[in-house]
Amino acid sequence: MTQKTTKRPVKSPTRAPAYSLYGESPEFGQSIFSNAESILVRSNNLTSNIDLHVHLDLYQFVYISEGRSTLISPSGTYNFGTNSLVMIPPNIEHGFYSYIETKTFGHVITISDAYFDRLAQRGVLASDLVKYITIIEQLDRGRNPEVFTAIERVIYEHNSEHYPFILAREAAVLSFIVEFLRIVAERNVLQFGVKTSDIGDLSGKSKIEILSQLIDRYYKTEKNVQFYADRMNMSISNLNKISVKATGKTLHSNIKARNLEQARSYLANTNLSVKEISFSLGYDDAAYFTRFFTTNTGLSPIAFRRLSVRATREGEHVLPLDPA
């Protein structure tokens, strides 16, 4: 198994179109936490050439189970084939060329950067490991069966609505991310000589982990940063330094992001009214919650829910992982 990682984010004099999923407007993708669909479904109504574009706030994983494709970027092209996994971070220009004469099978897994923000809050600096386009080739089911199992689970759960499907999808995505990061860490050690510990602390209790646990427990009822500073016996200034260093966001921004993440989940996956969601997140005034959500997402809660329903309907038909 080999891995290729571009060493710098790709830039271009002319900014490529920005999508959340290719061919959709950025607003459409705001309704998507995670998505999994076959390459055939994702490329429906598209030609074999997918032009240069960027995803604003999504990580995209392209798994080729059979066939071949070419990654296109302003810095060059790279060919990859059967049993390859390609990861594209947010805001990196890329495109794909798939060969008409070759039947290409596989899946596209799209994950919101909110998942990686949550990992950072727990002390796992996943974003440091996935800053660049990464291509892992020659995946071996015998050597890395967990990766294939994780991919298959993500696909299955996103094509199922068996209760509790919300938790099941989130668990499947987390398992997939874990297995992907393990392979990246393994390849760093074997190929680049970079120890995982030199990139991010992936184990052990840390202040950011404790802070993350506090946010997870109290974000609905405690939105004032002073509460968290008091619980950790630290000043707001020092706690913010830890938060920014680990996650790139202030404590206030992380609390806000956690509330928005849960609000999106409620809107996309439940029939709760906006008022009920507002109260469940600790907002006594539904109108205030609506303004908060709209200001931070660019969409009203109702508009977001409509897009979520549309996204779900358009991703209903997912093909098996491997061709028959």
C-alpha atoms as a PDB file:
ATOM      1  CA  MET A   1       0.000   0.000   0.000  1.00  0.00           C
ATOM      2  CA  THR A   2       1.405   3.389  -0.951  1.00  0.00           C
ATOM      3  CA  GLN A   3       0.397   6.910  -0.093  1.00  0.00           C
ATOM      4  CA  LYS A   4       0.978  10.174  -1.899  1.00  0.00           C
ATOM      5  CA  THR A   5       0.419  13.485  -0.155  1.00  0.00           C
ATOM      6  CA  THR A   6       0.642  16.872  -1.840  1.00  0.00           C
ATOM      7  CA  LYS A   7       2.943  19.067   0.216  1.00  0.00           C
ATOM      8  CA  ARG A   8       1.044  22.327  -0.074  1.00  0.00           C
ATOM      9  CA  PRO A   9      -2.511  23.514  -0.591  1.00  0.00           C
ATOM     10  CA  VAL A  10      -3.216  24.124  -4.252  1.00  0.00           C
ATOM     11  CA  LYS A  11      -3.761  27.706  -5.344  1.00  0.00           C
ATOM     12  CA  SER A  12      -4.804  29.135  -8.666  1.00  0.00           C
ATOM     13  CA  PRO A  13      -4.863  32.707 -10.045  1.00  0.00           C
ATOM     14  CA  THR A  14      -8.511  32.239 -10.959  1.00  0.00           C
ATOM     15  CA  ARG A  15     -10.667  30.838  -8.210  1.00  0.00           C
ATOM     16  CA  ALA A  16     -12.444  27.630  -9.171  1.00  0.00           C
ATOM     17  CA  PRO A  17     -16.198  27.278  -8.617  1.00  0.00           C
ATOM     18  CA  ALA A  18     -17.134  26.520  -5.018  1.00  0.00           C
ATOM     19  CA  TYR A  19     -19.497  23.648  -4.301  1.00  0.00           C
ATOM     20  CA  SER A  20     -20.476  21.547  -1.361  1.00  0.00           C
ATOM     21  CA  LEU A  21     -21.164  18.515  -3.487  1.00  0.00           C
ATOM     22  CA  TYR A  22     -19.968  18.859  -7.069  1.00  0.00           C
ATOM     23  CA  GLY A  23     -22.546  20.607  -9.202  1.00  0.00           C
ATOM     24  CA  GLU A  24     -24.569  21.872  -6.247  1.00  0.00           C
ATOM     25  CA  SER A  25     -24.532  25.358  -4.785  1.00  0.00           C
ATOM     26  CA  PRO A  26     -22.668  25.929  -1.496  1.00  0.00           C
ATOM     27  CA  GLU A  27     -26.011  26.555   0.234  1.00  0.00           C
ATOM     28  CA  PHE A  28     -27.259  23.101  -0.763  1.00  0.00           C
ATOM     29  CA  GLY A  29     -24.335  21.429   0.949  1.00  0.00           C
ATOM     30  CA  GLN A  30     -24.912  23.261   4.221  1.00  0.00           C
ATOM     31  CA  SER A  31     -27.646  20.738   4.886  1.00  0.00           C
ATOM     32  CA  ILE A  32     -25.251  17.791   4.700  1.00  0.00           C
ATOM     33  CA  PHE A  33     -23.318  16.451   7.709  1.00  0.00           C
ATOM     34  CA  SER A  34     -22.212  13.358   5.866  1.00  0.00           C
ATOM     35  CA  ASN A  35     -23.137  11.736   2.610  1.00  0.00           C
ATOM     36  CA  ALA A  36     -22.250   8.459   0.907  1.00  0.00           C
ATOM     37  CA  GLU A  37     -23.178   7.457  -2.600  1.00  0.00           C
ATOM     38  CA  SER A  38     -21.791   5.497  -5.496  1.00  0.00           C
ATOM     39  CA  ILE A  39     -19.575   7.147  -8.061  1.00  0.00           C
ATOM     40  CA  LEU A  40     -22.245   6.384 -10.658  1.00  0.00           C
ATOM     41  CA  VAL A  41     -24.909   8.225  -8.649  1.00  0.00           C
ATOM     42  CA  ARG A  42     -22.647  11.164  -7.780  1.00  0.00           C
ATOM     43  CA  SER A  43     -21.600  11.608 -11.410  1.00  0.00           C
ATOM     44  CA  ASN A  44     -25.137  11.236 -12.787  1.00  0.00           C
ATOM     45  CA  ASN A  45     -25.765  13.825 -15.501  1.00  0.00           C
ATOM     46  CA  LEU A  46     -22.074  14.771 -15.408  1.00  0.00           C
ATOM     47  CA  THR A  47     -19.533  14.005 -18.114  1.00  0.00           C
ATOM     48  CA  SER A  48     -16.468  11.887 -17.408  1.00  0.00           C
ATOM     49  CA  ASN A  49     -14.566  15.136 -16.824  1.00  0.00           C
ATOM     50  CA  ILE A  50     -15.204  16.876 -13.499  1.00  0.00           C
ATOM     51  CA  ASP A  51     -13.696  20.342 -13.797  1.00  0.00           C
ATOM     52  CA  LEU A  52     -11.611  22.085 -11.162  1.00  0.00           C
ATOM     53  CA  HIS A  53     -13.708  23.087  -8.169  1.00  0.00           C
ATOM     54  CA  VAL A  54     -13.490  23.380  -4.393  1.00  0.00           C
ATOM     55  CA  HIS A  55     -15.654  22.231  -1.491  1.00  0.00           C
ATOM     56  CA  LEU A  56     -16.000  25.021   1.033  1.00  0.00           C
ATOM     57  CA  ASP A  57     -16.454  23.106   4.278  1.00  0.00           C
ATOM     58  CA  LEU A  58     -16.397  19.441   3.362  1.00  0.00           C
ATOM     59  CA  TYR A  59     -13.845  16.651   3.264  1.00  0.00           C
ATOM     60  CA  GLN A  60     -14.394  14.336   0.323  1.00  0.00           C
ATOM     61  CA  PHE A  61     -13.162  10.744   0.185  1.00  0.00           C
ATOM     62  CA  VAL A  62     -13.210   8.944  -3.168  1.00  0.00           C
ATOM     63  CA  TYR A  63     -12.832   5.169  -3.001  1.00  0.00           C
ATOM     64  CA  ILE A  64     -12.195   3.227  -6.220  1.00  0.00           C
ATOM     65  CA  SER A  65     -13.125  -0.439  -5.832  1.00  0.00           C
ATOM     66  CA  GLU A  66     -12.555  -1.182  -9.520  1.00  0.00           C
ATOM     67  CA  GLY A  67     -11.328   0.855 -12.478  1.00  0.00           C
ATOM     68  CA  ARG A  68      -9.182   3.964 -12.659  1.00  0.00           C
ATOM     69  CA  SER A  69      -9.328   7.745 -12.559  1.00  0.00           C
ATOM     70  CA  THR A  70      -7.055  10.763 -12.756  1.00  0.00           C
ATOM     71  CA  LEU A  71      -6.902  13.476 -10.119  1.00  0.00           C
ATOM     72  CA  ILE A  72      -6.504  16.927 -11.642  1.00  0.00           C
ATOM     73  CA  SER A  73      -5.109  19.920  -9.755  1.00  0.00           C
ATOM     74  CA  PRO A  74      -3.343  23.168 -10.716  1.00  0.00           C
ATOM     75  CA  SER A  75      -0.071  21.540  -9.628  1.00  0.00           C
ATOM     76  CA  GLY A  76      -0.453  18.530 -11.913  1.00  0.00           C
ATOM     77  CA  THR A  77      -2.261  15.225 -12.361  1.00  0.00           C
ATOM     78  CA  TYR A  78      -2.061  11.859 -10.639  1.00  0.00           C
ATOM     79  CA  ASN A  79      -3.405   8.517 -11.836  1.00  0.00           C
ATOM     80  CA  PHE A  80      -4.888   6.024  -9.395  1.00  0.00           C
ATOM     81  CA  GLY A  81      -6.843   2.809  -9.743  1.00  0.00           C
ATOM     82  CA  THR A  82      -8.431  -0.189  -8.039  1.00  0.00           C
ATOM     83  CA  ASN A  83      -8.407  -0.199  -4.223  1.00  0.00           C
ATOM     84  CA  SER A  84      -7.357   3.444  -3.948  1.00  0.00           C
ATOM     85  CA  LEU A  85      -8.682   6.004  -1.478  1.00  0.00           C
ATOM     86  CA  VAL A  86      -8.326   9.731  -2.179  1.00  0.00           C
ATOM     87  CA  MET A  87      -9.011  12.418   0.418  1.00  0.00           C
ATOM     88  CA  ILE A  88      -9.683  16.024  -0.661  1.00  0.00           C
ATOM     89  CA  PRO A  89      -9.707  18.630   2.155  1.00  0.00           C
ATOM     90  CA  PRO A  90     -11.912  21.747   2.084  1.00  0.00           C
ATOM     91  CA  ASN A  91     -10.872  24.671  -0.121  1.00  0.00           C
ATOM     92  CA  ILE A  92      -8.426  22.645  -2.229  1.00  0.00           C
ATOM     93  CA  GLU A  93      -8.920  22.933  -5.989  1.00  0.00           C
ATOM     94  CA  HIS A  94      -9.343  19.577  -7.696  1.00  0.00           C
ATOM     95  CA  GLY A  95     -11.122  17.730 -10.469  1.00  0.00           C
ATOM     96  CA  PHE A  96     -11.325  14.192 -11.837  1.00  0.00           C
ATOM     97  CA  TYR A  97     -11.078  12.514 -15.218  1.00  0.00           C
ATOM     98  CA  SER A  98     -12.643   9.055 -15.478  1.00  0.00           C
ATOM     99  CA  TYR A  99     -12.009   6.991 -18.573  1.00  0.00           C
ATOM    100  CA  ILE A 100     -15.112   6.222 -20.629  1.00  0.00           C
ATOM    101  CA  GLU A 101     -13.642   2.951 -21.900  1.00  0.00           C
ATOM    102  CA  THR A 102     -13.052   1.742 -18.336  1.00  0.00           C
ATOM    103  CA  LYS A 103     -15.936   0.991 -16.013  1.00  0.00           C
ATOM    104  CA  THR A 104     -15.099   2.615 -12.702  1.00  0.00           C
ATOM    105  CA  PHE A 105     -16.869   1.519  -9.530  1.00  0.00           C
ATOM    106  CA  GLY A 106     -16.621   2.875  -6.036  1.00  0.00           C
ATOM    107  CA  HIS A 107     -18.078   5.414  -3.675  1.00  0.00           C
ATOM    108  CA  VAL A 108     -17.787   9.033  -2.636  1.00  0.00           C
ATOM    109  CA  ILE A 109     -17.981   9.767   1.090  1.00  0.00           C
ATOM    110  CA  THR A 110     -18.438  13.411   2.024  1.00  0.00           C
ATOM    111  CA  ILE A 111     -17.973  14.572   5.611  1.00  0.00           C
ATOM    112  CA  SER A 112     -18.548  17.985   7.171  1.00  0.00           C
ATOM    113  CA  ASP A 113     -15.500  19.670   8.665  1.00  0.00           C
ATOM    114  CA  ALA A 114     -17.532  19.835  11.887  1.00  0.00           C
ATOM    115  CA  TYR A 115     -16.524  16.220  12.538  1.00  0.00           C
ATOM    116  CA  PHE A 116     -12.855  17.169  12.379  1.00  0.00           C
ATOM    117  CA  ASP A 117     -13.482  20.197  14.585  1.00  0.00           C
ATOM    118  CA  ARG A 118     -14.963  17.862  17.190  1.00  0.00           C
ATOM    119  CA  LEU A 119     -11.923  15.597  16.994  1.00  0.00           C
ATOM    120  CA  ALA A 120      -9.688  18.608  17.559  1.00  0.00           C
ATOM    121  CA  GLN A 121     -11.691  19.523  20.643  1.00  0.00           C
ATOM    122  CA  ARG A 122     -10.883  16.059  21.974  1.00  0.00           C
ATOM    123  CA  GLY A 123      -7.160  16.570  21.517  1.00  0.00           C
ATOM    124  CA  VAL A 124      -6.920  14.699  18.217  1.00  0.00           C
ATOM    125  CA  LEU A 125      -5.488  17.214  15.767  1.00  0.00           C
ATOM    126  CA  ALA A 126      -6.939  15.417  12.779  1.00  0.00           C
ATOM    127  CA  SER A 127      -6.892  18.543  10.631  1.00  0.00           C
ATOM    128  CA  ASP A 128      -3.090  18.555  10.876  1.00  0.00           C
ATOM    129  CA  LEU A 129      -3.035  15.081   9.352  1.00  0.00           C
ATOM    130  CA  VAL A 130      -5.442  15.904   6.542  1.00  0.00           C
ATOM    131  CA  LYS A 131      -4.356  19.342   5.351  1.00  0.00           C
ATOM    132  CA  TYR A 132      -3.415  18.141   1.895  1.00  0.00           C
ATOM    133  CA  ILE A 133      -4.762  15.920  -0.844  1.00  0.00           C
ATOM    134  CA  THR A 134      -3.868  12.381   0.183  1.00  0.00           C
ATOM    135  CA  ILE A 135      -3.879   9.349  -2.105  1.00  0.00           C
ATOM    136  CA  ILE A 136      -3.627   5.893  -0.554  1.00  0.00           C
ATOM    137  CA  GLU A 137      -3.118   3.194  -3.167  1.00  0.00           C
ATOM    138  CA  GLN A 138      -3.179  -0.600  -3.154  1.00  0.00           C
ATOM    139  CA  LEU A 139      -5.356  -0.945  -0.088  1.00  0.00           C
ATOM    140  CA  ASP A 140      -5.166  -4.564   1.007  1.00  0.00           C
ATOM    141  CA  ARG A 141      -8.259  -6.171   2.506  1.00  0.00           C
ATOM    142  CA  GLY A 142      -6.075  -8.795   4.146  1.00  0.00           C
ATOM    143  CA  ARG A 143      -3.797  -6.255   5.815  1.00  0.00           C
ATOM    144  CA  ASN A 144      -6.323  -3.511   6.537  1.00  0.00           C
ATOM    145  CA  PRO A 145      -9.730  -5.214   6.769  1.00  0.00           C
ATOM    146  CA  GLU A 146     -10.969  -2.547   9.196  1.00  0.00           C
ATOM    147  CA  VAL A 147     -10.801   0.117   6.470  1.00  0.00           C
ATOM    148  CA  PHE A 148     -12.995  -1.866   4.095  1.00  0.00           C
ATOM    149  CA  THR A 149     -15.411  -2.693   6.911  1.00  0.00           C
ATOM    150  CA  ALA A 150     -15.621   1.002   7.858  1.00  0.00           C
ATOM    151  CA  ILE A 151     -16.284   2.071   4.259  1.00  0.00           C
ATOM    152  CA  GLU A 152     -18.974  -0.561   3.852  1.00  0.00           C
ATOM    153  CA  ARG A 153     -20.583   0.479   7.145  1.00  0.00           C
ATOM    154  CA  VAL A 154     -20.740   4.138   6.139  1.00  0.00           C
ATOM    155  CA  ILE A 155     -22.405   3.200   2.865  1.00  0.00           C
ATOM    156  CA  TYR A 156     -24.868   0.841   4.537  1.00  0.00           C
ATOM    157  CA  GLU A 157     -25.929   3.287   7.257  1.00  0.00           C
ATOM    158  CA  HIS A 158     -26.415   6.139   4.785  1.00  0.00           C
ATOM    159  CA  ASN A 159     -28.709   3.915   2.756  1.00  0.00           C
ATOM    160  CA  SER A 160     -30.684   2.822   5.807  1.00  0.00           C
ATOM    161  CA  GLU A 161     -33.195   4.464   8.090  1.00  0.00           C
ATOM    162  CA  HIS A 162     -33.215   1.758  10.745  1.00  0.00           C
ATOM    163  CA  TYR A 163     -33.627   3.334  14.172  1.00  0.00           C
ATOM    164  CA  PRO A 164     -31.485   4.918  15.558  1.00  0.00           C
ATOM    165  CA  PHE A 165     -30.108   5.852  12.142  1.00  0.00           C
ATOM    166  CA  ILE A 166     -28.794   9.270  13.217  1.00  0.00           C
ATOM    167  CA  LEU A 167     -26.481   7.736  15.795  1.00  0.00           C
ATOM    168  CA  ALA A 168     -25.637   4.881  13.446  1.00  0.00           C
ATOM    169  CA  ARG A 169     -24.508   7.235  10.683  1.00  0.00           C
ATOM    170  CA  GLU A 170     -22.429   9.351  13.046  1.00  0.00           C
ATOM    171  CA  ALA A 171     -20.836   6.239  14.551  1.00  0.00           C
ATOM    172  CA  ALA A 172     -20.057   4.841  11.102  1.00  0.00           C
ATOM    173  CA  VAL A 173     -18.459   8.110   9.998  1.00  0.00           C
ATOM    174  CA  LEU A 174     -16.362   8.315  13.156  1.00  0.00           C
ATOM    175  CA  SER A 175     -15.184   4.721  12.695  1.00  0.00           C
ATOM    176  CA  PHE A 176     -14.202   5.485   9.107  1.00  0.00           C
ATOM    177  CA  ILE A 177     -12.263   8.593  10.138  1.00  0.00           C
ATOM    178  CA  VAL A 178     -10.441   6.594  12.825  1.00  0.00           C
ATOM    179  CA  GLU A 179      -9.350   3.927  10.331  1.00  0.00           C
ATOM    180  CA  PHE A 180      -8.320   6.547   7.769  1.00  0.00           C
ATOM    181  CA  LEU A 181      -6.207   8.424  10.329  1.00  0.00           C
ATOM    182  CA  ARG A 182      -4.576   5.180  11.425  1.00  0.00           C
ATOM    183  CA  ILE A 183      -3.502   4.456   7.866  1.00  0.00           C
ATOM    184  CA  VAL A 184      -2.236   8.014   7.394  1.00  0.00           C
ATOM    185  CA  ALA A 185      -0.266   7.769  10.647  1.00  0.00           C
ATOM    186  CA  GLU A 186       1.126   4.370   9.596  1.00  0.00           C
ATOM    187  CA  ARG A 187       2.166   5.673   6.197  1.00  0.00           C
ATOM    188  CA  ASN A 188       3.773   8.741   7.784  1.00  0.00           C
ATOM    189  CA  VAL A 189       5.931   6.473   9.924  1.00  0.00           C
ATOM    190  CA  LEU A 190       6.798   4.076   7.091  1.00  0.00           C
ATOM    191  CA  GLN A 191       7.201   6.535   4.243  1.00  0.00           C
ATOM    192  CA  PHE A 192       7.936   9.993   5.569  1.00  0.00           C
ATOM    193  CA  GLY A 193       9.571   9.196   8.911  1.00  0.00           C
ATOM    194  CA  VAL A 194       7.179  11.519  10.706  1.00  0.00           C
ATOM    195  CA  LYS A 195       5.941  10.233  14.033  1.00  0.00           C
ATOM    196  CA  THR A 196       2.287  10.789  14.770  1.00  0.00           C
ATOM    197  CA  SER A 197       3.253  12.332  18.100  1.00  0.00           C
ATOM    198  CA  ASP A 198       5.159  15.030  16.200  1.00  0.00           C
ATOM    199  CA  ILE A 199       1.949  16.037  14.425  1.00  0.00           C
ATOM    200  CA  GLY A 200      -0.671  15.817  17.111  1.00  0.00           C
ATOM    201  CA  ASP A 201      -1.252  14.213  20.489  1.00  0.00           C
ATOM    202  CA  LEU A 202      -3.511  11.286  19.673  1.00  0.00           C
ATOM    203  CA  SER A 203      -3.684   9.863  23.179  1.00  0.00           C
ATOM    204  CA  GLY A 204      -3.683  10.846  26.812  1.00  0.00           C
ATOM    205  CA  LYS A 205      -5.797  13.258  28.788  1.00  0.00           C
ATOM    206  CA  SER A 206      -5.317  16.918  27.901  1.00  0.00           C
ATOM    207  CA  LYS A 207      -6.912  20.200  28.803  1.00  0.00           C
ATOM    208  CA  ILE A 208      -8.587  20.428  25.415  1.00  0.00           C
ATOM    209  CA  GLU A 209     -10.127  16.990  25.963  1.00  0.00           C
ATOM    210  CA  ILE A 210     -11.462  18.078  29.341  1.00  0.00           C
ATOM    211  CA  LEU A 211     -12.819  21.259  27.779  1.00  0.00           C
ATOM    212  CA  SER A 212     -14.454  19.246  25.006  1.00  0.00           C
ATOM    213  CA  GLN A 213     -16.148  17.004  27.556  1.00  0.00           C
ATOM    214  CA  LEU A 214     -17.448  20.050  29.393  1.00  0.00           C
ATOM    215  CA  ILE A 215     -18.794  21.562  26.167  1.00  0.00           C
ATOM    216  CA  ASP A 216     -20.470  18.274  25.229  1.00  0.00           C
ATOM    217  CA  ARG A 217     -22.102  18.099  28.640  1.00  0.00           C
ATOM    218  CA  TYR A 218     -23.153  21.712  29.119  1.00  0.00           C
ATOM    219  CA  TYR A 219     -23.400  23.403  25.697  1.00  0.00           C
ATOM    220  CA  LYS A 220     -27.194  23.390  25.827  1.00  0.00           C
ATOM    221  CA  THR A 221     -27.420  25.072  29.224  1.00  0.00           C
ATOM    222  CA  GLU A 222     -24.153  26.995  29.596  1.00  0.00           C
ATOM    223  CA  LYS A 223     -23.173  29.295  26.759  1.00  0.00           C
ATOM    224  CA  ASN A 224     -21.072  31.760  28.775  1.00  0.00           C
ATOM    225  CA  VAL A 225     -17.321  31.153  28.506  1.00  0.00           C
ATOM    226  CA  GLN A 226     -16.833  32.143  32.154  1.00  0.00           C
ATOM    227  CA  PHE A 227     -18.609  28.951  33.238  1.00  0.00           C
ATOM    228  CA  TYR A 228     -16.016  26.767  31.491  1.00  0.00           C
ATOM    229  CA  ALA A 229     -13.116  28.866  32.746  1.00  0.00           C
ATOM    230  CA  ASP A 230     -14.390  28.490  36.311  1.00  0.00           C
ATOM    231  CA  ARG A 231     -14.847  24.730  35.943  1.00  0.00           C
ATOM    232  CA  MET A 232     -11.263  24.346  34.744  1.00  0.00           C
ATOM    233  CA  ASN A 233      -9.871  26.861  37.228  1.00  0.00           C
ATOM    234  CA  MET A 234      -8.342  28.917  34.438  1.00  0.00           C
ATOM    235  CA  SER A 235      -8.663  32.432  33.136  1.00  0.00           C
ATOM    236  CA  ILE A 236     -10.736  32.991  30.013  1.00  0.00           C
ATOM    237  CA  SER A 237      -7.618  34.286  28.264  1.00  0.00           C
ATOM    238  CA  ASN A 238      -5.552  31.159  28.943  1.00  0.00           C
ATOM    239  CA  LEU A 239      -8.438  28.858  28.104  1.00  0.00           C
ATOM    240  CA  ASN A 240      -8.924  30.668  24.806  1.00  0.00           C
ATOM    241  CA  LYS A 241      -5.233  30.200  23.995  1.00  0.00           C
ATOM    242  CA  ILE A 242      -5.576  26.450  24.505  1.00  0.00           C
ATOM    243  CA  SER A 243      -8.754  26.367  22.442  1.00  0.00           C
ATOM    244  CA  VAL A 244      -7.286  28.351  19.546  1.00  0.00           C
ATOM    245  CA  LYS A 245      -4.060  26.327  19.525  1.00  0.00           C
ATOM    246  CA  ALA A 246      -5.888  22.992  19.395  1.00  0.00           C
ATOM    247  CA  THR A 247      -8.900  23.829  17.238  1.00  0.00           C
ATOM    248  CA  GLY A 248      -8.198  27.147  15.545  1.00  0.00           C
ATOM    249  CA  LYS A 249     -11.292  28.579  17.238  1.00  0.00           C
ATOM    250  CA  THR A 250     -11.983  30.511  20.421  1.00  0.00           C
ATOM    251  CA  LEU A 251     -13.931  28.887  23.232  1.00  0.00           C
ATOM    252  CA  HIS A 252     -16.993  30.959  22.361  1.00  0.00           C
ATOM    253  CA  SER A 253     -16.756  29.846  18.720  1.00  0.00           C
ATOM    254  CA  ASN A 254     -16.522  26.184  19.748  1.00  0.00           C
ATOM    255  CA  ILE A 255     -19.578  26.461  22.001  1.00  0.00           C
ATOM    256  CA  LYS A 256     -21.457  28.171  19.186  1.00  0.00           C
ATOM    257  CA  ALA A 257     -20.310  25.539  16.678  1.00  0.00           C
ATOM    258  CA  ARG A 258     -21.491  22.734  18.963  1.00  0.00           C
ATOM    259  CA  ASN A 259     -24.953  24.309  19.227  1.00  0.00           C
ATOM    260  CA  LEU A 260     -25.136  24.815  15.464  1.00  0.00           C
ATOM    261  CA  GLU A 261     -24.025  21.251  14.836  1.00  0.00           C
ATOM    262  CA  GLN A 262     -26.783  19.876  17.031  1.00  0.00           C
ATOM    263  CA  ALA A 263     -29.329  22.274  15.559  1.00  0.00           C
ATOM    264  CA  ARG A 264     -28.475  21.086  12.042  1.00  0.00           C
ATOM    265  CA  SER A 265     -28.774  17.479  13.167  1.00  0.00           C
ATOM    266  CA  TYR A 266     -32.217  18.082  14.689  1.00  0.00           C
ATOM    267  CA  LEU A 267     -33.407  19.927  11.584  1.00  0.00           C
ATOM    268  CA  ALA A 268     -32.066  17.333   9.162  1.00  0.00           C
ATOM    269  CA  ASN A 269     -32.994  14.178  11.040  1.00  0.00           C
ATOM    270  CA  THR A 270     -36.072  14.862  13.188  1.00  0.00           C
ATOM    271  CA  ASN A 271     -39.566  16.302  12.872  1.00  0.00           C
ATOM    272  CA  LEU A 272     -39.143  18.591  15.870  1.00  0.00           C
ATOM    273  CA  SER A 273     -40.478  22.091  15.308  1.00  0.00           C
ATOM    274  CA  VAL A 274     -38.099  25.048  15.328  1.00  0.00           C
ATOM    275  CA  LYS A 275     -39.578  26.080  18.673  1.00  0.00           C
ATOM    276  CA  GLU A 276     -38.978  22.619  20.152  1.00  0.00           C
ATOM    277  CA  ILE A 277     -35.411  22.582  18.851  1.00  0.00           C
ATOM    278  CA  SER A 278     -34.853  26.037  20.274  1.00  0.00           C
ATOM    279  CA  PHE A 279     -35.964  24.970  23.747  1.00  0.00           C
ATOM    280  CA  SER A 280     -34.004  21.710  23.622  1.00  0.00           C
ATOM    281  CA  LEU A 281     -30.830  23.702  22.944  1.00  0.00           C
ATOM    282  CA  GLY A 282     -31.445  26.051  25.837  1.00  0.00           C
ATOM    283  CA  TYR A 283     -32.863  29.013  23.930  1.00  0.00           C
ATOM    284  CA  ASP A 284     -35.977  30.336  25.645  1.00  0.00           C
ATOM    285  CA  ASP A 285     -36.780  32.631  22.722  1.00  0.00           C
ATOM    286  CA  ALA A 286     -37.372  30.775  19.452  1.00  0.00           C
ATOM    287  CA  ALA A 287     -37.069  34.025  17.509  1.00  0.00           C
ATOM    288  CA  TYR A 288     -33.612  34.619  18.982  1.00  0.00           C
ATOM    289  CA  PHE A 289     -32.586  31.067  18.073  1.00  0.00           C
ATOM    290  CA  THR A 290     -33.828  31.609  14.508  1.00  0.00           C
ATOM    291  CA  ARG A 291     -31.728  34.791  14.209  1.00  0.00           C
ATOM    292  CA  PHE A 292     -28.708  32.990  15.697  1.00  0.00           C
ATOM    293  CA  PHE A 293     -29.022  30.100  13.255  1.00  0.00           C
ATOM    294  CA  THR A 294     -29.663  32.311  10.219  1.00  0.00           C
ATOM    295  CA  THR A 295     -26.773  34.651  11.004  1.00  0.00           C
ATOM    296  CA  ASN A 296     -24.292  31.797  11.347  1.00  0.00           C
ATOM    297  CA  THR A 297     -25.422  29.564   8.482  1.00  0.00           C
ATOM    298  CA  GLY A 298     -26.901  31.971   5.948  1.00  0.00           C
ATOM    299  CA  LEU A 299     -30.135  29.976   5.980  1.00  0.00           C
ATOM    300  CA  SER A 300     -33.207  30.087   8.167  1.00  0.00           C
ATOM    301  CA  PRO A 301     -33.976  26.863  10.076  1.00  0.00           C
ATOM    302  CA  ILE A 302     -36.937  26.170   7.777  1.00  0.00           C
ATOM    303  CA  ALA A 303     -34.868  26.714   4.619  1.00  0.00           C
ATOM    304  CA  PHE A 304     -32.128  24.479   6.004  1.00  0.00           C
ATOM    305  CA  ARG A 305     -34.632  21.707   6.713  1.00  0.00           C
ATOM    306  CA  ARG A 306     -36.027  21.915   3.177  1.00  0.00           C
ATOM    307  CA  LEU A 307     -32.535  21.529   1.731  1.00  0.00           C
ATOM    308  CA  SER A 308     -31.891  18.612   4.074  1.00  0.00           C
ATOM    309  CA  VAL A 309     -34.984  16.824   2.793  1.00  0.00           C
ATOM    310  CA  ARG A 310     -33.879  17.467  -0.773  1.00  0.00           C
ATOM    311  CA  ALA A 311     -30.386  16.140  -0.043  1.00  0.00           C
ATOM    312  CA  THR A 312     -31.797  12.982   1.530  1.00  0.00           C
ATOM    313  CA  ARG A 313     -34.142  12.304  -1.374  1.00  0.00           C
ATOM    314  CA  GLU A 314     -31.419  12.795  -3.977  1.00  0.00           C
ATOM    315  CA  GLY A 315     -29.071  10.415  -2.167  1.00  0.00           C
ATOM    316  CA  GLU A 316     -31.518   7.582  -1.587  1.00  0.00           C
ATOM    317  CA  HIS A 317     -30.249   5.145  -4.212  1.00  0.00           C
ATOM    318  CA  VAL A 318     -26.804   3.859  -3.310  1.00  0.00           C
ATOM    319  CA  LEU A 319     -25.185   0.974  -5.144  1.00  0.00           C
ATOM    320  CA  PRO A 320     -23.253  -1.869  -3.456  1.00  0.00           C
ATOM    321  CA  LEU A 321     -19.599  -1.235  -2.619  1.00  0.00           C
ATOM    322  CA  ASP A 322     -18.273  -3.755  -5.145  1.00  0.00           C
ATOM    323  CA  PRO A 323     -19.680  -4.414  -8.627  1.00  0.00           C
ATOM    324  CA  ALA A 324     -21.665  -7.586  -9.121  1.00  0.00           C
END
